[in-house]
Amino acid sequence: MSDDDVEDMDESKSDEPTSEHVDGLELIFGRGKSGYKDVYPHRKGWQAKVTVEYKGVCSLGVFKEKKQAALAVARARSSGLY
């Protein structure tokens, strides 16, 4: 693999979006099953969980749609919860 090939690979990674904006909130993409940071599969849908300083993991609830869970995480982030 030449240096040009490596540069092309690095450029393709940076072209991928890392977040999307909905209702003025930033939904951060993740590598998990949901595709969103801090959103996890749950038997009844998608669970939003965040780590709160000095308190540990805090569940924000279970949602039918993963985007709803991601919005809950974004609201918590914008309010300064974590």
Protein backbone atom coordinates (compact mmCIF):
# COMPACT_ATOMS: atom_id res chain seq x y z
CA MET A 1 0.00 0.00 0.00
CA SER A 2 1.47 3.33 -1.00
CA ASP A 3 1.35 6.61 0.93
CA ASP A 4 -1.26 7.90 -1.53
CA ASP A 5 -3.54 4.98 -0.68
CA VAL A 6 -3.23 5.70 3.04
CA GLU A 7 -4.05 9.39 2.49
CA ASP A 8 -7.14 8.42 0.46
CA MET A 9 -8.33 6.16 3.29
CA ASP A 10 -7.87 8.94 5.87
CA GLU A 11 -9.85 11.40 3.73
CA SER A 12 -12.78 8.98 3.31
CA LYS A 13 -13.11 8.61 7.09
CA SER A 14 -13.26 12.37 7.64
CA ASP A 15 -16.01 12.79 5.01
CA GLU A 16 -18.46 10.71 7.05
CA PRO A 17 -20.78 12.79 9.24
CA THR A 18 -20.33 12.33 12.99
CA SER A 19 -23.65 13.87 14.00
CA GLU A 20 -26.95 15.25 12.80
CA HIS A 21 -29.03 18.19 14.03
CA VAL A 22 -32.71 17.83 14.92
CA ASP A 23 -34.78 20.57 16.60
CA GLY A 24 -31.61 22.52 17.36
CA LEU A 25 -30.03 19.54 19.16
CA GLU A 26 -26.97 17.59 18.07
CA LEU A 27 -27.45 13.81 17.84
CA ILE A 28 -24.00 12.21 17.97
CA PHE A 29 -23.49 9.04 15.95
CA GLY A 30 -21.99 6.01 17.67
CA ARG A 31 -20.68 2.61 16.65
CA GLY A 32 -23.26 0.52 18.54
CA LYS A 33 -26.37 -1.19 17.24
CA SER A 34 -28.48 1.97 17.47
CA GLY A 35 -26.05 4.12 15.53
CA TYR A 36 -26.26 6.82 18.24
CA LYS A 37 -24.02 7.50 21.23
CA ASP A 38 -25.52 6.45 24.59
CA VAL A 39 -28.53 4.67 22.99
CA TYR A 40 -28.78 0.92 23.61
CA PRO A 41 -31.15 -1.88 22.58
CA HIS A 42 -33.76 -2.77 25.19
CA ARG A 43 -36.40 -5.52 25.12
CA LYS A 44 -39.13 -2.88 24.73
CA GLY A 45 -37.28 -0.56 22.33
CA TRP A 46 -34.23 1.68 22.83
CA GLN A 47 -32.80 2.83 26.14
CA ALA A 48 -31.05 6.17 26.60
CA LYS A 49 -28.36 6.02 29.29
CA VAL A 50 -25.71 8.56 30.27
CA THR A 51 -22.95 8.62 32.86
CA VAL A 52 -23.45 11.43 35.36
CA GLU A 53 -20.43 12.66 37.29
CA TYR A 54 -20.41 11.39 40.90
CA LYS A 55 -23.67 9.47 40.38
CA GLY A 56 -22.85 6.78 37.84
CA VAL A 57 -25.12 5.61 35.04
CA CYS A 58 -28.46 7.36 34.72
CA SER A 59 -31.27 5.96 32.57
CA LEU A 60 -33.22 8.59 30.67
CA GLY A 61 -35.93 6.11 29.73
CA VAL A 62 -36.94 3.54 27.14
CA PHE A 63 -38.25 4.76 23.78
CA LYS A 64 -39.91 3.04 20.83
CA GLU A 65 -37.69 4.79 18.27
CA LYS A 66 -33.91 5.05 18.54
CA LYS A 67 -34.03 8.66 17.32
CA GLN A 68 -36.33 9.54 20.27
CA ALA A 69 -33.76 8.05 22.64
CA ALA A 70 -30.98 9.98 20.92
CA LEU A 71 -33.02 13.18 21.33
CA ALA A 72 -33.33 12.49 25.08
CA VAL A 73 -29.55 12.14 25.28
CA ALA A 74 -29.08 15.38 23.34
CA ARG A 75 -31.52 17.21 25.64
CA ALA A 76 -29.64 15.94 28.70
CA ARG A 77 -26.35 17.09 27.16
CA SER A 78 -27.72 20.55 26.30
CA SER A 79 -29.18 21.01 29.80
CA GLY A 80 -25.80 20.20 31.37
CA LEU A 81 -26.88 16.94 33.03
CA TYR A 82 -23.56 15.37 32.04
